[in-house]
C-alpha atoms as a PDB file:
ATOM      1  CA  UNK A   1      55.413  80.185 -34.406  1.00  0.00           C
ATOM      2  CA  UNK A   2      56.626  77.292 -36.554  1.00  0.00           C
ATOM      3  CA  UNK A   3      58.081  79.688 -39.133  1.00  0.00           C
ATOM      4  CA  UNK A   4      59.995  81.510 -36.425  1.00  0.00           C
ATOM      5  CA  UNK A   5      61.552  78.266 -35.118  1.00  0.00           C
ATOM      6  CA  UNK A   6      62.331  77.031 -38.636  1.00  0.00           C
ATOM      7  CA  UNK A   7      63.987  80.365 -39.450  1.00  0.00           C
ATOM      8  CA  UNK A   8      66.268  80.214 -36.393  1.00  0.00           C
ATOM      9  CA  UNK A   9      67.084  76.542 -36.971  1.00  0.00           C
ATOM     10  CA  UNK A  10      68.074  77.459 -40.530  1.00  0.00           C
ATOM     11  CA  UNK A  11      70.298  80.316 -39.262  1.00  0.00           C
ATOM     12  CA  UNK A  12      71.886  77.970 -36.731  1.00  0.00           C
ATOM     13  CA  UNK A  13      72.494  75.358 -39.436  1.00  0.00           C
ATOM     14  CA  UNK A  14      74.121  77.889 -41.796  1.00  0.00           C
ATOM     15  CA  UNK A  15      76.310  79.282 -39.007  1.00  0.00           C
ATOM     16  CA  UNK A  16      77.402  75.800 -37.897  1.00  0.00           C
ATOM     17  CA  UNK A  17      78.154  74.691 -41.453  1.00  0.00           C
ATOM     18  CA  UNK A  18      80.207  77.841 -42.098  1.00  0.00           C
ATOM     19  CA  UNK A  19      82.159  77.378 -38.891  1.00  0.00           C
ATOM     20  CA  UNK A  20      82.823  73.695 -39.659  1.00  0.00           C
ATOM     21  CA  UNK A  21      83.994  74.543 -43.179  1.00  0.00           C
ATOM     22  CA  UNK A  22      86.426  77.240 -41.990  1.00  0.00           C
ATOM     23  CA  UNK A  23      87.940  75.065 -39.268  1.00  0.00           C
ATOM     24  CA  UNK A  24      88.314  72.036 -41.559  1.00  0.00           C
ATOM     25  CA  UNK A  25      89.678  73.745 -44.661  1.00  0.00           C
ATOM     26  CA  UNK A  26      92.571  71.885 -46.225  1.00  0.00           C
ATOM     27  CA  UNK A  27      95.372  74.341 -46.713  1.00  0.00           C
ATOM     28  CA  UNK A  28      98.147  73.860 -49.206  1.00  0.00           C
ATOM     29  CA  UNK A  29     101.353  72.694 -47.521  1.00  0.00           C
ATOM     30  CA  UNK A  30     104.189  75.185 -47.440  1.00  0.00           C
ATOM     31  CA  UNK A  31     106.859  74.357 -50.018  1.00  0.00           C
ATOM     32  CA  UNK A  32     110.562  74.944 -50.462  1.00  0.00           C
ATOM     33  CA  UNK A  33     112.461  75.345 -53.703  1.00  0.00           C
ATOM     34  CA  UNK A  34     115.439  73.009 -54.070  1.00  0.00           C
ATOM     35  CA  UNK A  35     117.873  71.973 -56.771  1.00  0.00           C
ATOM     36  CA  UNK A  36     118.567  68.474 -58.000  1.00  0.00           C
ATOM     37  CA  UNK A  37     121.774  67.974 -59.931  1.00  0.00           C
ATOM     38  CA  UNK A  38     121.654  65.809 -63.018  1.00  0.00           C
ATOM     39  CA  UNK A  39     124.139  65.393 -65.858  1.00  0.00           C
ATOM     40  CA  UNK A  40     124.412  66.833 -69.333  1.00  0.00           C
ATOM     41  CA  UNK A  41     127.248  65.150 -71.260  1.00  0.00           C
ATOM     42  CA  UNK A  42     127.192  67.859 -73.948  1.00  0.00           C
ATOM     43  CA  UNK A  43     128.442  70.345 -71.313  1.00  0.00           C
ATOM     44  CA  UNK A  44     131.330  68.039 -70.380  1.00  0.00           C
ATOM     45  CA  UNK A  45     133.181  67.537 -73.655  1.00  0.00           C
ATOM     46  CA  UNK A  46     136.956  67.791 -73.758  1.00  0.00           C
ATOM     47  CA  UNK A  47     139.912  66.085 -75.415  1.00  0.00           C
ATOM     48  CA  UNK A  48     138.792  62.570 -76.257  1.00  0.00           C
ATOM     49  CA  UNK A  49     135.071  63.159 -75.620  1.00  0.00           C
ATOM     50  CA  UNK A  50     133.041  63.167 -72.430  1.00  0.00           C
ATOM     51  CA  UNK A  51     135.225  64.003 -69.420  1.00  0.00           C
ATOM     52  CA  UNK A  52     132.996  62.577 -66.640  1.00  0.00           C
ATOM     53  CA  UNK A  53     133.526  65.685 -64.526  1.00  0.00           C
ATOM     54  CA  UNK A  54     131.474  68.065 -62.452  1.00  0.00           C
ATOM     55  CA  UNK A  55     131.395  70.407 -65.468  1.00  0.00           C
ATOM     56  CA  UNK A  56     128.476  68.366 -66.825  1.00  0.00           C
ATOM     57  CA  UNK A  57     126.295  68.845 -63.761  1.00  0.00           C
ATOM     58  CA  UNK A  58     123.083  70.762 -64.355  1.00  0.00           C
ATOM     59  CA  UNK A  59     120.763  72.025 -61.631  1.00  0.00           C
ATOM     60  CA  UNK A  60     117.035  71.529 -62.094  1.00  0.00           C
ATOM     61  CA  UNK A  61     114.526  73.250 -59.825  1.00  0.00           C
ATOM     62  CA  UNK A  62     111.935  71.332 -57.847  1.00  0.00           C
ATOM     63  CA  UNK A  63     109.488  72.190 -55.082  1.00  0.00           C
ATOM     64  CA  UNK A  64     109.150  69.952 -52.060  1.00  0.00           C
ATOM     65  CA  UNK A  65     106.980  70.231 -48.955  1.00  0.00           C
ATOM     66  CA  UNK A  66     108.764  72.145 -46.191  1.00  0.00           C
ATOM     67  CA  UNK A  67     109.911  69.691 -43.560  1.00  0.00           C
ATOM     68  CA  UNK A  68     112.643  69.447 -40.960  1.00  0.00           C
ATOM     69  CA  UNK A  69     114.564  67.062 -43.281  1.00  0.00           C
ATOM     70  CA  UNK A  70     115.201  68.904 -46.573  1.00  0.00           C
ATOM     71  CA  UNK A  71     118.512  67.082 -47.164  1.00  0.00           C
ATOM     72  CA  UNK A  72     116.864  63.675 -46.910  1.00  0.00           C
ATOM     73  CA  UNK A  73     113.883  64.780 -48.972  1.00  0.00           C
ATOM     74  CA  UNK A  74     116.118  66.214 -51.721  1.00  0.00           C
ATOM     75  CA  UNK A  75     118.341  63.147 -52.008  1.00  0.00           C
ATOM     76  CA  UNK A  76     115.336  60.815 -52.100  1.00  0.00           C
ATOM     77  CA  UNK A  77     113.809  62.918 -54.867  1.00  0.00           C
ATOM     78  CA  UNK A  78     117.099  62.869 -56.808  1.00  0.00           C
ATOM     79  CA  UNK A  79     117.232  59.078 -56.529  1.00  0.00           C
ATOM     80  CA  UNK A  80     113.817  58.827 -58.194  1.00  0.00           C
ATOM     81  CA  UNK A  81     115.428  60.230 -61.337  1.00  0.00           C
ATOM     82  CA  UNK A  82     112.345  61.877 -62.764  1.00  0.00           C
ATOM     83  CA  UNK A  83     113.215  64.288 -65.534  1.00  0.00           C
ATOM     84  CA  UNK A  84     110.707  66.385 -67.415  1.00  0.00           C
ATOM     85  CA  UNK A  85     110.345  66.104 -71.185  1.00  0.00           C
ATOM     86  CA  UNK A  86     111.886  69.580 -71.483  1.00  0.00           C
ATOM     87  CA  UNK A  87     114.919  68.539 -69.414  1.00  0.00           C
ATOM     88  CA  UNK A  88     115.401  65.422 -71.536  1.00  0.00           C
ATOM     89  CA  UNK A  89     115.179  67.567 -74.687  1.00  0.00           C
ATOM     90  CA  UNK A  90     118.070  69.636 -73.255  1.00  0.00           C
ATOM     91  CA  UNK A  91     120.216  66.437 -73.111  1.00  0.00           C
ATOM     92  CA  UNK A  92     119.975  66.194 -69.308  1.00  0.00           C
ATOM     93  CA  UNK A  93     120.351  62.582 -68.220  1.00  0.00           C
ATOM     94  CA  UNK A  94     120.527  60.430 -65.123  1.00  0.00           C
ATOM     95  CA  UNK A  95     120.980  56.786 -64.287  1.00  0.00           C
ATOM     96  CA  UNK A  96     118.682  57.172 -61.321  1.00  0.00           C
ATOM     97  CA  UNK A  97     116.617  55.362 -60.254  1.00  0.00           C
ATOM     98  CA  UNK A  98     118.992  52.508 -59.575  1.00  0.00           C
ATOM     99  CA  UNK A  99     117.156  49.317 -58.722  1.00  0.00           C
ATOM    100  CA  UNK A 100     117.843  48.379 -55.113  1.00  0.00           C
ATOM    101  CA  UNK A 101     119.385  51.723 -54.090  1.00  0.00           C
ATOM    102  CA  UNK A 102     117.737  53.629 -51.270  1.00  0.00           C
ATOM    103  CA  UNK A 103     118.726  56.302 -48.799  1.00  0.00           C
ATOM    104  CA  UNK A 104     118.361  54.975 -45.267  1.00  0.00           C
ATOM    105  CA  UNK A 105     119.726  57.906 -43.336  1.00  0.00           C
ATOM    106  CA  UNK A 106     121.154  61.397 -43.529  1.00  0.00           C
ATOM    107  CA  UNK A 107     122.836  63.416 -40.830  1.00  0.00           C
ATOM    108  CA  UNK A 108     124.803  66.634 -40.612  1.00  0.00           C
ATOM    109  CA  UNK A 109     127.496  67.000 -37.974  1.00  0.00           C
ATOM    110  CA  UNK A 110     129.292  70.291 -38.116  1.00  0.00           C
ATOM    111  CA  UNK A 111     129.321  70.983 -41.831  1.00  0.00           C
ATOM    112  CA  UNK A 112     129.752  67.356 -42.941  1.00  0.00           C
ATOM    113  CA  UNK A 113     126.770  65.420 -44.245  1.00  0.00           C
ATOM    114  CA  UNK A 114     126.810  61.647 -43.931  1.00  0.00           C
ATOM    115  CA  UNK A 115     124.473  59.849 -46.319  1.00  0.00           C
ATOM    116  CA  UNK A 116     123.820  56.186 -45.626  1.00  0.00           C
ATOM    117  CA  UNK A 117     122.521  54.057 -48.486  1.00  0.00           C
ATOM    118  CA  UNK A 118     121.370  50.501 -48.970  1.00  0.00           C
ATOM    119  CA  UNK A 119     122.357  49.051 -52.333  1.00  0.00           C
ATOM    120  CA  UNK A 120     120.888  45.565 -52.568  1.00  0.00           C
ATOM    121  CA  UNK A 121     121.825  45.041 -56.220  1.00  0.00           C
ATOM    122  CA  UNK A 122     125.234  46.662 -56.544  1.00  0.00           C
ATOM    123  CA  UNK A 123     124.009  49.487 -58.770  1.00  0.00           C
ATOM    124  CA  UNK A 124     126.543  51.941 -57.341  1.00  0.00           C
ATOM    125  CA  UNK A 125     129.555  50.086 -58.716  1.00  0.00           C
ATOM    126  CA  UNK A 126     130.752  50.088 -62.290  1.00  0.00           C
ATOM    127  CA  UNK A 127     132.961  52.087 -64.578  1.00  0.00           C
ATOM    128  CA  UNK A 128     134.846  55.048 -63.171  1.00  0.00           C
ATOM    129  CA  UNK A 129     133.008  57.552 -65.392  1.00  0.00           C
ATOM    130  CA  UNK A 130     129.544  56.314 -64.409  1.00  0.00           C
ATOM    131  CA  UNK A 131     130.374  56.065 -60.709  1.00  0.00           C
ATOM    132  CA  UNK A 132     131.924  59.544 -60.638  1.00  0.00           C
ATOM    133  CA  UNK A 133     128.828  61.097 -62.176  1.00  0.00           C
ATOM    134  CA  UNK A 134     126.521  59.318 -59.725  1.00  0.00           C
ATOM    135  CA  UNK A 135     128.706  60.547 -56.847  1.00  0.00           C
ATOM    136  CA  UNK A 136     128.837  64.125 -58.181  1.00  0.00           C
ATOM    137  CA  UNK A 137     125.055  64.304 -58.602  1.00  0.00           C
ATOM    138  CA  UNK A 138     124.394  63.295 -54.995  1.00  0.00           C
ATOM    139  CA  UNK A 139     127.224  65.408 -53.606  1.00  0.00           C
ATOM    140  CA  UNK A 140     126.135  68.580 -55.445  1.00  0.00           C
ATOM    141  CA  UNK A 141     122.501  68.070 -54.411  1.00  0.00           C
ATOM    142  CA  UNK A 142     123.593  67.785 -50.761  1.00  0.00           C
ATOM    143  CA  UNK A 143     125.973  70.752 -50.924  1.00  0.00           C
ATOM    144  CA  UNK A 144     123.252  73.150 -52.035  1.00  0.00           C
ATOM    145  CA  UNK A 145     122.381  73.525 -48.361  1.00  0.00           C
ATOM    146  CA  UNK A 146     124.504  76.197 -46.644  1.00  0.00           C
ATOM    147  CA  UNK A 147     125.176  73.947 -43.657  1.00  0.00           C
ATOM    148  CA  UNK A 148     126.825  71.259 -45.842  1.00  0.00           C
ATOM    149  CA  UNK A 149     130.399  71.696 -47.104  1.00  0.00           C
ATOM    150  CA  UNK A 150     131.432  68.039 -47.374  1.00  0.00           C
ATOM    151  CA  UNK A 151     129.613  64.780 -48.058  1.00  0.00           C
ATOM    152  CA  UNK A 152     130.485  61.288 -46.873  1.00  0.00           C
ATOM    153  CA  UNK A 153     128.847  58.132 -48.217  1.00  0.00           C
ATOM    154  CA  UNK A 154     128.173  55.064 -46.093  1.00  0.00           C
ATOM    155  CA  UNK A 155     128.989  52.299 -46.487  1.00  0.00           C
ATOM    156  CA  UNK A 156     132.317  53.437 -47.877  1.00  0.00           C
ATOM    157  CA  UNK A 157     132.286  50.685 -50.523  1.00  0.00           C
ATOM    158  CA  UNK A 158     129.592  52.511 -52.470  1.00  0.00           C
ATOM    159  CA  UNK A 159     130.411  54.317 -55.709  1.00  0.00           C
ATOM    160  CA  UNK A 160     133.534  52.304 -56.478  1.00  0.00           C
ATOM    161  CA  UNK A 161     134.664  51.749 -60.097  1.00  0.00           C
END
């Protein structure tokens, strides 16, 4: 009799453990492929040297968790400025991260994206070449989304030479 009870307790234990494992499995989050736009000065050479134009922008692929805020997630990832060793070897550069710069909001109304930043240390001002490239990187990253055709920065004093 004891063996019979022990057998059924064992079966019950195995069944319960299997059920608990299946209902508590950690699944991988769904991801989305996005592009971050960085700068390669060797692709932007013209009369007199580097032209500081959109011609130097280079898209790099990244995967992010799928969320309802891919624009925000993409811009925040761009601002981290993490390039792989391979990307650096290809002369891809960035001045991100900029100390004190953070994205505090992103919205899309119609086809216009408004990106609101906080720049506590004035890292978004400087020479016209540098500021243009920073602007272009953010703008191109935002415009990869089909619902975005124009980008506005807030406050408007950001990215001034």
